[in-house]
């Protein structure tokens, strides 16, 4: 996501609805988009990891 708090506030994307329904927790979010782009956190490190991109927050 680009901004997790805004994604949750808008309650529009699939991942936000999953959060609302208890199927996705704040702790399940590894990084926001800016953290990966800035090199603060790596992207995928193996084939088992999944990236879900929800460009709703700041778009």
Protein backbone atom coordinates (compact mmCIF):
# COMPACT_ATOMS: atom_id res chain seq x y z
CA UNK A 1 0.00 0.00 0.00
CA UNK A 2 1.11 3.56 -0.37
CA UNK A 3 -0.41 4.71 2.96
CA UNK A 4 -1.94 2.04 5.19
CA UNK A 5 -3.88 4.41 7.44
CA UNK A 6 -5.55 6.07 4.44
CA UNK A 7 -6.31 2.72 2.82
CA UNK A 8 -8.07 1.60 6.01
CA UNK A 9 -9.92 4.91 6.34
CA UNK A 10 -11.29 4.76 2.80
CA UNK A 11 -12.40 1.13 3.27
CA UNK A 12 -12.45 0.65 -0.49
CA UNK A 13 -9.78 -1.86 -1.47
CA UNK A 14 -9.92 -5.62 -1.00
CA UNK A 15 -7.13 -5.56 1.58
CA UNK A 16 -8.96 -2.87 3.60
CA UNK A 17 -12.13 -4.97 3.59
CA UNK A 18 -10.07 -7.99 4.67
CA UNK A 19 -8.67 -5.87 7.54
CA UNK A 20 -12.19 -4.82 8.55
CA UNK A 21 -13.33 -8.45 8.56
CA UNK A 22 -10.35 -9.61 10.63
CA UNK A 23 -8.73 -11.53 7.77
CA UNK A 24 -5.71 -9.19 7.58
CA UNK A 25 -4.03 -7.54 10.57
CA UNK A 26 -1.86 -4.45 10.82
CA UNK A 27 1.05 -6.76 11.68
CA UNK A 28 0.51 -8.63 8.40
CA UNK A 29 1.62 -5.53 6.48
CA UNK A 30 5.36 -5.76 5.94
CA UNK A 31 5.99 -2.38 4.32
CA UNK A 32 4.41 0.57 2.62
CA UNK A 33 5.34 1.29 -0.99
CA UNK A 34 7.61 4.24 -0.13
CA UNK A 35 9.68 2.10 2.24
CA UNK A 36 10.43 -0.40 -0.53
CA UNK A 37 11.14 2.28 -3.15
CA UNK A 38 13.43 4.18 -0.75
CA UNK A 39 15.36 0.98 0.01
CA UNK A 40 14.36 1.02 3.68
CA UNK A 41 12.89 -2.48 3.33
CA UNK A 42 13.55 -5.07 0.62
CA UNK A 43 10.85 -6.27 -1.73
CA UNK A 44 10.30 -9.97 -2.29
CA UNK A 45 13.23 -12.08 -1.21
CA UNK A 46 11.96 -15.48 -2.39
CA UNK A 47 9.28 -17.09 -4.54
CA UNK A 48 7.10 -17.88 -1.52
CA UNK A 49 6.49 -14.21 -0.67
CA UNK A 50 3.51 -12.42 -2.17
CA UNK A 51 3.24 -8.73 -2.99
CA UNK A 52 -0.17 -7.08 -2.81
CA UNK A 53 -0.18 -3.51 -4.09
CA UNK A 54 -3.10 -1.24 -3.22
CA UNK A 55 -2.39 2.28 -4.58
CA UNK A 56 -5.42 3.85 -2.94
CA UNK A 57 -4.02 5.91 -0.06
CA UNK A 58 -2.10 8.71 -1.73
CA UNK A 59 -3.10 8.19 -5.35
